[in-house]
Amino acid sequence: MTDKDAYTKKLEAQMKEWQANIDKMRAQAEKAQADAQVQYEEHLKELRARRDEMQVKLDELQRNQSAAWNDVKAGADKAWDDMSKAMQDAWKRFS
């Protein structure tokens, strides 16, 4: 398995975990009072947008040849960091 393959598998696993967390937060939002529900929805919207950005980077990684892989990986790393921070911030707000 190449570094690219290993990295891609790692991203795919993380994407699944993030999606599961978003689903849990969505369930909490549905139980919340109306005013809190608006805040939950705003946070979920941001998380979905970051998740979508991460999916774009993952798709780029899977399509690109090795010459461009390092450039794409750098973008994916940034998107990963942004998504991780957004997820941590959201869990703090949802807890």
PDB file of N, CA and C in Angstrom:
ATOM      1  N   MET A   1       0.854  -1.177   0.000  1.00  0.00           N
ATOM      2  CA  MET A   1       0.000   0.000   0.000  1.00  0.00           C
ATOM      3  C   MET A   1       0.898   1.238   0.000  1.00  0.00           C
ATOM      4  N   THR A   2       0.587   2.159  -0.890  1.00  0.00           N
ATOM      5  CA  THR A   2       1.382   3.382  -0.982  1.00  0.00           C
ATOM      6  C   THR A   2       0.961   4.374   0.097  1.00  0.00           C
ATOM      7  N   ASP A   3       1.788   5.396   0.269  1.00  0.00           N
ATOM      8  CA  ASP A   3       1.441   6.462   1.214  1.00  0.00           C
ATOM      9  C   ASP A   3       0.108   7.105   0.834  1.00  0.00           C
ATOM     10  N   LYS A   4      -0.084   7.280  -0.465  1.00  0.00           N
ATOM     11  CA  LYS A   4      -1.324   7.884  -0.945  1.00  0.00           C
ATOM     12  C   LYS A   4      -2.515   7.000  -0.573  1.00  0.00           C
ATOM     13  N   ASP A   5      -2.394   5.706  -0.798  1.00  0.00           N
ATOM     14  CA  ASP A   5      -3.485   4.783  -0.475  1.00  0.00           C
ATOM     15  C   ASP A   5      -3.783   4.785   1.023  1.00  0.00           C
ATOM     16  N   ALA A   6      -2.732   4.756   1.824  1.00  0.00           N
ATOM     17  CA  ALA A   6      -2.910   4.751   3.277  1.00  0.00           C
ATOM     18  C   ALA A   6      -3.570   6.046   3.744  1.00  0.00           C
ATOM     19  N   TYR A   7      -3.118   7.165   3.206  1.00  0.00           N
ATOM     20  CA  TYR A   7      -3.677   8.464   3.574  1.00  0.00           C
ATOM     21  C   TYR A   7      -5.141   8.544   3.167  1.00  0.00           C
ATOM     22  N   THR A   8      -5.447   8.076   1.970  1.00  0.00           N
ATOM     23  CA  THR A   8      -6.820   8.086   1.475  1.00  0.00           C
ATOM     24  C   THR A   8      -7.723   7.238   2.356  1.00  0.00           C
ATOM     25  N   LYS A   9      -7.261   6.060   2.745  1.00  0.00           N
ATOM     26  CA  LYS A   9      -8.043   5.184   3.632  1.00  0.00           C
ATOM     27  C   LYS A   9      -8.292   5.870   4.977  1.00  0.00           C
ATOM     28  N   LYS A  10      -7.265   6.541   5.491  1.00  0.00           N
ATOM     29  CA  LYS A  10      -7.389   7.259   6.758  1.00  0.00           C
ATOM     30  C   LYS A  10      -8.442   8.365   6.647  1.00  0.00           C
ATOM     31  N   LEU A  11      -8.405   9.114   5.543  1.00  0.00           N
ATOM     32  CA  LEU A  11      -9.395  10.173   5.334  1.00  0.00           C
ATOM     33  C   LEU A  11     -10.802   9.596   5.213  1.00  0.00           C
ATOM     34  N   GLU A  12     -10.935   8.502   4.490  1.00  0.00           N
ATOM     35  CA  GLU A  12     -12.248   7.885   4.333  1.00  0.00           C
ATOM     36  C   GLU A  12     -12.819   7.457   5.683  1.00  0.00           C
ATOM     37  N   ALA A  13     -11.983   6.866   6.524  1.00  0.00           N
ATOM     38  CA  ALA A  13     -12.432   6.442   7.857  1.00  0.00           C
ATOM     39  C   ALA A  13     -12.829   7.646   8.697  1.00  0.00           C
ATOM     40  N   GLN A  14     -12.056   8.718   8.628  1.00  0.00           N
ATOM     41  CA  GLN A  14     -12.368   9.917   9.398  1.00  0.00           C
ATOM     42  C   GLN A  14     -13.660  10.552   8.906  1.00  0.00           C
ATOM     43  N   MET A  15     -13.864  10.554   7.592  1.00  0.00           N
ATOM     44  CA  MET A  15     -15.097  11.109   7.037  1.00  0.00           C
ATOM     45  C   MET A  15     -16.314  10.358   7.576  1.00  0.00           C
ATOM     46  N   LYS A  16     -16.223   9.044   7.671  1.00  0.00           N
ATOM     47  CA  LYS A  16     -17.323   8.252   8.206  1.00  0.00           C
ATOM     48  C   LYS A  16     -17.576   8.594   9.676  1.00  0.00           C
ATOM     49  N   GLU A  17     -16.508   8.773  10.431  1.00  0.00           N
ATOM     50  CA  GLU A  17     -16.654   9.134  11.844  1.00  0.00           C
ATOM     51  C   GLU A  17     -17.299  10.512  11.986  1.00  0.00           C
ATOM     52  N   TRP A  18     -16.829  11.465  11.177  1.00  0.00           N
ATOM     53  CA  TRP A  18     -17.421  12.801  11.239  1.00  0.00           C
ATOM     54  C   TRP A  18     -18.900  12.761  10.874  1.00  0.00           C
ATOM     55  N   GLN A  19     -19.253  11.972   9.868  1.00  0.00           N
ATOM     56  CA  GLN A  19     -20.650  11.879   9.473  1.00  0.00           C
ATOM     57  C   GLN A  19     -21.490  11.299  10.611  1.00  0.00           C
ATOM     58  N   ALA A  20     -20.972  10.298  11.288  1.00  0.00           N
ATOM     59  CA  ALA A  20     -21.688   9.715  12.423  1.00  0.00           C
ATOM     60  C   ALA A  20     -21.890  10.760  13.522  1.00  0.00           C
ATOM     61  N   ASN A  21     -20.869  11.574  13.762  1.00  0.00           N
ATOM     62  CA  ASN A  21     -20.985  12.632  14.772  1.00  0.00           C
ATOM     63  C   ASN A  21     -22.011  13.686  14.359  1.00  0.00           C
ATOM     64  N   ILE A  22     -22.015  14.045  13.089  1.00  0.00           N
ATOM     65  CA  ILE A  22     -22.997  15.008  12.596  1.00  0.00           C
ATOM     66  C   ILE A  22     -24.401  14.435  12.776  1.00  0.00           C
ATOM     67  N   ASP A  23     -24.568  13.151  12.494  1.00  0.00           N
ATOM     68  CA  ASP A  23     -25.874  12.508  12.674  1.00  0.00           C
ATOM     69  C   ASP A  23     -26.306  12.538  14.141  1.00  0.00           C
ATOM     70  N   LYS A  24     -25.366  12.303  15.059  1.00  0.00           N
ATOM     71  CA  LYS A  24     -25.690  12.367  16.496  1.00  0.00           C
ATOM     72  C   LYS A  24     -26.118  13.776  16.897  1.00  0.00           C
ATOM     73  N   MET A  25     -25.388  14.765  16.392  1.00  0.00           N
ATOM     74  CA  MET A  25     -25.726  16.149  16.709  1.00  0.00           C
ATOM     75  C   MET A  25     -27.087  16.519  16.132  1.00  0.00           C
ATOM     76  N   ARG A  26     -27.367  16.004  14.957  1.00  0.00           N
ATOM     77  CA  ARG A  26     -28.665  16.260  14.325  1.00  0.00           C
ATOM     78  C   ARG A  26     -29.787  15.702  15.204  1.00  0.00           C
ATOM     79  N   ALA A  27     -29.587  14.526  15.747  1.00  0.00           N
ATOM     80  CA  ALA A  27     -30.583  13.923  16.633  1.00  0.00           C
ATOM     81  C   ALA A  27     -30.786  14.785  17.873  1.00  0.00           C
ATOM     82  N   GLN A  28     -29.693  15.328  18.431  1.00  0.00           N
ATOM     83  CA  GLN A  28     -29.802  16.212  19.583  1.00  0.00           C
ATOM     84  C   GLN A  28     -30.553  17.488  19.212  1.00  0.00           C
ATOM     85  N   ALA A  29     -30.282  17.995  18.025  1.00  0.00           N
ATOM     86  CA  ALA A  29     -30.940  19.219  17.577  1.00  0.00           C
ATOM     87  C   ALA A  29     -32.445  19.010  17.456  1.00  0.00           C
ATOM     88  N   GLU A  30     -32.849  17.843  17.010  1.00  0.00           N
ATOM     89  CA  GLU A  30     -34.271  17.565  16.850  1.00  0.00           C
ATOM     90  C   GLU A  30     -34.992  17.528  18.203  1.00  0.00           C
ATOM     91  N   LYS A  31     -34.271  17.197  19.266  1.00  0.00           N
ATOM     92  CA  LYS A  31     -34.854  17.132  20.598  1.00  0.00           C
ATOM     93  C   LYS A  31     -34.850  18.493  21.303  1.00  0.00           C
ATOM     94  N   ALA A  32     -34.095  19.428  20.788  1.00  0.00           N
ATOM     95  CA  ALA A  32     -33.915  20.722  21.449  1.00  0.00           C
ATOM     96  C   ALA A  32     -35.162  21.597  21.320  1.00  0.00           C
ATOM     97  N   GLN A  33     -35.241  22.570  22.194  1.00  0.00           N
ATOM     98  CA  GLN A  33     -36.303  23.569  22.136  1.00  0.00           C
ATOM     99  C   GLN A  33     -36.135  24.370  20.844  1.00  0.00           C
ATOM    100  N   ALA A  34     -37.160  25.049  20.417  1.00  0.00           N
ATOM    101  CA  ALA A  34     -37.158  25.757  19.137  1.00  0.00           C
ATOM    102  C   ALA A  34     -36.010  26.756  19.006  1.00  0.00           C
ATOM    103  N   ASP A  35     -35.755  27.570  20.049  1.00  0.00           N
ATOM    104  CA  ASP A  35     -34.685  28.569  19.939  1.00  0.00           C
ATOM    105  C   ASP A  35     -33.315  27.914  19.879  1.00  0.00           C
ATOM    106  N   ALA A  36     -33.101  26.857  20.633  1.00  0.00           N
ATOM    107  CA  ALA A  36     -31.821  26.140  20.589  1.00  0.00           C
ATOM    108  C   ALA A  36     -31.675  25.404  19.272  1.00  0.00           C
ATOM    109  N   GLN A  37     -32.791  24.990  18.706  1.00  0.00           N
ATOM    110  CA  GLN A  37     -32.751  24.244  17.459  1.00  0.00           C
ATOM    111  C   GLN A  37     -32.150  25.092  16.334  1.00  0.00           C
ATOM    112  N   VAL A  38     -32.444  26.382  16.334  1.00  0.00           N
ATOM    113  CA  VAL A  38     -31.894  27.284  15.324  1.00  0.00           C
ATOM    114  C   VAL A  38     -30.371  27.307  15.422  1.00  0.00           C
ATOM    115  N   GLN A  39     -29.850  27.386  16.636  1.00  0.00           N
ATOM    116  CA  GLN A  39     -28.393  27.389  16.825  1.00  0.00           C
ATOM    117  C   GLN A  39     -27.787  26.062  16.378  1.00  0.00           C
ATOM    118  N   TYR A  40     -28.426  24.970  16.749  1.00  0.00           N
ATOM    119  CA  TYR A  40     -27.938  23.661  16.317  1.00  0.00           C
ATOM    120  C   TYR A  40     -27.870  23.587  14.793  1.00  0.00           C
ATOM    121  N   GLU A  41     -28.916  24.054  14.149  1.00  0.00           N
ATOM    122  CA  GLU A  41     -28.963  23.997  12.688  1.00  0.00           C
ATOM    123  C   GLU A  41     -27.849  24.819  12.059  1.00  0.00           C
ATOM    124  N   GLU A  42     -27.538  25.967  12.643  1.00  0.00           N
ATOM    125  CA  GLU A  42     -26.445  26.789  12.121  1.00  0.00           C
ATOM    126  C   GLU A  42     -25.114  26.044  12.229  1.00  0.00           C
ATOM    127  N   HIS A  43     -24.880  25.416  13.371  1.00  0.00           N
ATOM    128  CA  HIS A  43     -23.641  24.671  13.561  1.00  0.00           C
ATOM    129  C   HIS A  43     -23.582  23.454  12.641  1.00  0.00           C
ATOM    130  N   LEU A  44     -24.689  22.783  12.486  1.00  0.00           N
ATOM    131  CA  LEU A  44     -24.729  21.621  11.594  1.00  0.00           C
ATOM    132  C   LEU A  44     -24.483  22.034  10.143  1.00  0.00           C
ATOM    133  N   LYS A  45     -25.015  23.181   9.756  1.00  0.00           N
ATOM    134  CA  LYS A  45     -24.789  23.687   8.397  1.00  0.00           C
ATOM    135  C   LYS A  45     -23.300  23.914   8.155  1.00  0.00           C
ATOM    136  N   GLU A  46     -22.627  24.504   9.142  1.00  0.00           N
ATOM    137  CA  GLU A  46     -21.182  24.737   9.025  1.00  0.00           C
ATOM    138  C   GLU A  46     -20.423  23.407   8.945  1.00  0.00           C
ATOM    139  N   LEU A  47     -20.807  22.457   9.783  1.00  0.00           N
ATOM    140  CA  LEU A  47     -20.131  21.161   9.765  1.00  0.00           C
ATOM    141  C   LEU A  47     -20.329  20.447   8.431  1.00  0.00           C
ATOM    142  N   ARG A  48     -21.530  20.508   7.905  1.00  0.00           N
ATOM    143  CA  ARG A  48     -21.782  19.862   6.612  1.00  0.00           C
ATOM    144  C   ARG A  48     -20.952  20.508   5.512  1.00  0.00           C
ATOM    145  N   ALA A  49     -20.821  21.835   5.551  1.00  0.00           N
ATOM    146  CA  ALA A  49     -20.017  22.536   4.542  1.00  0.00           C
ATOM    147  C   ALA A  49     -18.555  22.116   4.636  1.00  0.00           C
ATOM    148  N   ARG A  50     -18.035  22.030   5.849  1.00  0.00           N
ATOM    149  CA  ARG A  50     -16.640  21.605   6.028  1.00  0.00           C
ATOM    150  C   ARG A  50     -16.463  20.143   5.619  1.00  0.00           C
ATOM    151  N   ARG A  51     -17.466  19.309   5.930  1.00  0.00           N
ATOM    152  CA  ARG A  51     -17.403  17.908   5.527  1.00  0.00           C
ATOM    153  C   ARG A  51     -17.384  17.810   3.998  1.00  0.00           C
ATOM    154  N   ASP A  52     -18.184  18.637   3.334  1.00  0.00           N
ATOM    155  CA  ASP A  52     -18.220  18.638   1.876  1.00  0.00           C
ATOM    156  C   ASP A  52     -16.889  19.087   1.289  1.00  0.00           C
ATOM    157  N   GLU A  53     -16.258  20.087   1.910  1.00  0.00           N
ATOM    158  CA  GLU A  53     -14.925  20.524   1.473  1.00  0.00           C
ATOM    159  C   GLU A  53     -13.929  19.373   1.602  1.00  0.00           C
ATOM    160  N   MET A  54     -14.034  18.659   2.715  1.00  0.00           N
ATOM    161  CA  MET A  54     -13.134  17.531   2.942  1.00  0.00           C
ATOM    162  C   MET A  54     -13.372  16.446   1.897  1.00  0.00           C
ATOM    163  N   GLN A  55     -14.612  16.215   1.533  1.00  0.00           N
ATOM    164  CA  GLN A  55     -14.921  15.207   0.517  1.00  0.00           C
ATOM    165  C   GLN A  55     -14.327  15.603  -0.827  1.00  0.00           C
ATOM    166  N   VAL A  56     -14.365  16.882  -1.163  1.00  0.00           N
ATOM    167  CA  VAL A  56     -13.755  17.364  -2.408  1.00  0.00           C
ATOM    168  C   VAL A  56     -12.260  17.068  -2.398  1.00  0.00           C
ATOM    169  N   LYS A  57     -11.602  17.355  -1.278  1.00  0.00           N
ATOM    170  CA  LYS A  57     -10.165  17.084  -1.173  1.00  0.00           C
ATOM    171  C   LYS A  57      -9.881  15.588  -1.284  1.00  0.00           C
ATOM    172  N   LEU A  58     -10.709  14.769  -0.664  1.00  0.00           N
ATOM    173  CA  LEU A  58     -10.536  13.325  -0.747  1.00  0.00           C
ATOM    174  C   LEU A  58     -10.696  12.861  -2.189  1.00  0.00           C
ATOM    175  N   ASP A  59     -11.695  13.387  -2.879  1.00  0.00           N
ATOM    176  CA  ASP A  59     -11.892  13.035  -4.289  1.00  0.00           C
ATOM    177  C   ASP A  59     -10.688  13.445  -5.133  1.00  0.00           C
ATOM    178  N   GLU A  60     -10.136  14.634  -4.859  1.00  0.00           N
ATOM    179  CA  GLU A  60      -8.944  15.091  -5.580  1.00  0.00           C
ATOM    180  C   GLU A  60      -7.772  14.142  -5.336  1.00  0.00           C
ATOM    181  N   LEU A  61      -7.606  13.731  -4.089  1.00  0.00           N
ATOM    182  CA  LEU A  61      -6.521  12.805  -3.763  1.00  0.00           C
ATOM    183  C   LEU A  61      -6.655  11.502  -4.543  1.00  0.00           C
ATOM    184  N   GLN A  62      -7.856  11.020  -4.650  1.00  0.00           N
ATOM    185  CA  GLN A  62      -8.072   9.745  -5.327  1.00  0.00           C
ATOM    186  C   GLN A  62      -7.851   9.850  -6.831  1.00  0.00           C
ATOM    187  N   ARG A  63      -8.097  11.028  -7.404  1.00  0.00           N
ATOM    188  CA  ARG A  63      -7.961  11.219  -8.852  1.00  0.00           C
ATOM    189  C   ARG A  63      -6.547  11.572  -9.296  1.00  0.00           C
ATOM    190  N   ASN A  64      -5.788  12.265  -8.470  1.00  0.00           N
ATOM    191  CA  ASN A  64      -4.505  12.817  -8.893  1.00  0.00           C
ATOM    192  C   ASN A  64      -3.395  11.778  -8.922  1.00  0.00           C
ATOM    193  N   GLN A  65      -2.505  12.014  -9.852  1.00  0.00           N
ATOM    194  CA  GLN A  65      -1.318  11.175  -9.986  1.00  0.00           C
ATOM    195  C   GLN A  65      -0.289  11.584  -8.944  1.00  0.00           C
ATOM    196  N   SER A  66       0.725  10.799  -8.775  1.00  0.00           N
ATOM    197  CA  SER A  66       1.698  11.015  -7.708  1.00  0.00           C
ATOM    198  C   SER A  66       2.414  12.363  -7.791  1.00  0.00           C
ATOM    199  N   ALA A  67       2.617  12.917  -8.973  1.00  0.00           N
ATOM    200  CA  ALA A  67       3.328  14.187  -9.104  1.00  0.00           C
ATOM    201  C   ALA A  67       2.582  15.315  -8.393  1.00  0.00           C
ATOM    202  N   ALA A  68       1.281  15.299  -8.460  1.00  0.00           N
ATOM    203  CA  ALA A  68       0.490  16.362  -7.835  1.00  0.00           C
ATOM    204  C   ALA A  68       0.024  15.981  -6.437  1.00  0.00           C
ATOM    205  N   TRP A  69       0.297  14.755  -6.033  1.00  0.00           N
ATOM    206  CA  TRP A  69      -0.245  14.253  -4.775  1.00  0.00           C
ATOM    207  C   TRP A  69       0.150  15.092  -3.576  1.00  0.00           C
ATOM    208  N   ASN A  70       1.400  15.523  -3.490  1.00  0.00           N
ATOM    209  CA  ASN A  70       1.854  16.317  -2.337  1.00  0.00           C
ATOM    210  C   ASN A  70       1.114  17.644  -2.235  1.00  0.00           C
ATOM    211  N   ASP A  71       0.836  18.272  -3.373  1.00  0.00           N
ATOM    212  CA  ASP A  71       0.090  19.532  -3.361  1.00  0.00           C
ATOM    213  C   ASP A  71      -1.345  19.307  -2.893  1.00  0.00           C
ATOM    214  N   VAL A  72      -1.963  18.265  -3.406  1.00  0.00           N
ATOM    215  CA  VAL A  72      -3.338  17.963  -3.020  1.00  0.00           C
ATOM    216  C   VAL A  72      -3.389  17.555  -1.552  1.00  0.00           C
ATOM    217  N   LYS A  73      -2.400  16.800  -1.104  1.00  0.00           N
ATOM    218  CA  LYS A  73      -2.344  16.358   0.289  1.00  0.00           C
ATOM    219  C   LYS A  73      -2.262  17.561   1.229  1.00  0.00           C
ATOM    220  N   ALA A  74      -1.491  18.569   0.847  1.00  0.00           N
ATOM    221  CA  ALA A  74      -1.381  19.767   1.681  1.00  0.00           C
ATOM    222  C   ALA A  74      -2.745  20.443   1.845  1.00  0.00           C
ATOM    223  N   GLY A  75      -3.508  20.520   0.769  1.00  0.00           N
ATOM    224  CA  GLY A  75      -4.848  21.085   0.848  1.00  0.00           C
ATOM    225  C   GLY A  75      -5.773  20.223   1.694  1.00  0.00           C
ATOM    226  N   ALA A  76      -5.628  18.910   1.560  1.00  0.00           N
ATOM    227  CA  ALA A  76      -6.446  17.988   2.352  1.00  0.00           C
ATOM    228  C   ALA A  76      -6.095  18.094   3.831  1.00  0.00           C
ATOM    229  N   ASP A  77      -4.819  18.245   4.132  1.00  0.00           N
ATOM    230  CA  ASP A  77      -4.399  18.402   5.531  1.00  0.00           C
ATOM    231  C   ASP A  77      -5.035  19.645   6.157  1.00  0.00           C
ATOM    232  N   LYS A  78      -5.068  20.731   5.406  1.00  0.00           N
ATOM    233  CA  LYS A  78      -5.679  21.965   5.925  1.00  0.00           C
ATOM    234  C   LYS A  78      -7.174  21.757   6.135  1.00  0.00           C
ATOM    235  N   ALA A  79      -7.838  21.151   5.159  1.00  0.00           N
ATOM    236  CA  ALA A  79      -9.278  20.893   5.289  1.00  0.00           C
ATOM    237  C   ALA A  79      -9.538  19.968   6.474  1.00  0.00           C
ATOM    238  N   TRP A  80      -8.664  18.994   6.686  1.00  0.00           N
ATOM    239  CA  TRP A  80      -8.780  18.052   7.813  1.00  0.00           C
ATOM    240  C   TRP A  80      -8.707  18.822   9.137  1.00  0.00           C
ATOM    241  N   ASP A  81      -7.695  19.687   9.242  1.00  0.00           N
ATOM    242  CA  ASP A  81      -7.532  20.477  10.467  1.00  0.00           C
ATOM    243  C   ASP A  81      -8.748  21.369  10.727  1.00  0.00           C
ATOM    244  N   ASP A  82      -9.246  22.012   9.662  1.00  0.00           N
ATOM    245  CA  ASP A  82     -10.417  22.881   9.792  1.00  0.00           C
ATOM    246  C   ASP A  82     -11.638  22.077  10.246  1.00  0.00           C
ATOM    247  N   MET A  83     -11.825  20.911   9.662  1.00  0.00           N
ATOM    248  CA  MET A  83     -12.970  20.069  10.016  1.00  0.00           C
ATOM    249  C   MET A  83     -12.839  19.566  11.448  1.00  0.00           C
ATOM    250  N   SER A  84     -11.646  19.163  11.834  1.00  0.00           N
ATOM    251  CA  SER A  84     -11.435  18.682  13.203  1.00  0.00           C
ATOM    252  C   SER A  84     -11.757  19.767  14.215  1.00  0.00           C
ATOM    253  N   LYS A  85     -11.303  20.974  13.954  1.00  0.00           N
ATOM    254  CA  LYS A  85     -11.571  22.085  14.867  1.00  0.00           C
ATOM    255  C   LYS A  85     -13.062  22.390  14.907  1.00  0.00           C
ATOM    256  N   ALA A  86     -13.702  22.410  13.760  1.00  0.00           N
ATOM    257  CA  ALA A  86     -15.140  22.682  13.716  1.00  0.00           C
ATOM    258  C   ALA A  86     -15.916  21.608  14.476  1.00  0.00           C
ATOM    259  N   MET A  87     -15.501  20.355  14.352  1.00  0.00           N
ATOM    260  CA  MET A  87     -16.175  19.265  15.041  1.00  0.00           C
ATOM    261  C   MET A  87     -15.999  19.403  16.556  1.00  0.00           C
ATOM    262  N   GLN A  88     -14.788  19.734  16.993  1.00  0.00           N
ATOM    263  CA  GLN A  88     -14.537  19.926  18.427  1.00  0.00           C
ATOM    264  C   GLN A  88     -15.369  21.083  18.969  1.00  0.00           C
ATOM    265  N   ASP A  89     -15.410  22.185  18.235  1.00  0.00           N
ATOM    266  CA  ASP A  89     -16.196  23.335  18.664  1.00  0.00           C
ATOM    267  C   ASP A  89     -17.674  22.992  18.742  1.00  0.00           C
ATOM    268  N   ALA A  90     -18.145  22.239  17.781  1.00  0.00           N
ATOM    269  CA  ALA A  90     -19.561  21.858  17.770  1.00  0.00           C
ATOM    270  C   ALA A  90     -19.889  20.958  18.946  1.00  0.00           C
ATOM    271  N   TRP A  91     -19.010  19.993  19.252  1.00  0.00           N
ATOM    272  CA  TRP A  91     -19.278  19.101  20.397  1.00  0.00           C
ATOM    273  C   TRP A  91     -19.338  19.897  21.687  1.00  0.00           C
ATOM    274  N   LYS A  92     -18.503  20.911  21.809  1.00  0.00           N
ATOM    275  CA  LYS A  92     -18.542  21.757  23.006  1.00  0.00           C
ATOM    276  C   LYS A  92     -19.892  22.461  23.115  1.00  0.00           C
ATOM    277  N   ARG A  93     -20.396  22.929  21.997  1.00  0.00           N
ATOM    278  CA  ARG A  93     -21.672  23.643  22.001  1.00  0.00           C
ATOM    279  C   ARG A  93     -22.851  22.706  22.211  1.00  0.00           C
ATOM    280  N   PHE A  94     -22.747  21.498  21.673  1.00  0.00           N
ATOM    281  CA  PHE A  94     -23.853  20.546  21.775  1.00  0.00           C
ATOM    282  C   PHE A  94     -23.880  19.848  23.111  1.00  0.00           C
ATOM    283  N   SER A  95     -22.784  19.878  23.836  1.00  0.00           N
ATOM    284  CA  SER A  95     -22.723  19.175  25.124  1.00  0.00           C
ATOM    285  C   SER A  95     -23.300  19.995  26.249  1.00  0.00           C
TER     286      SER A  95
END
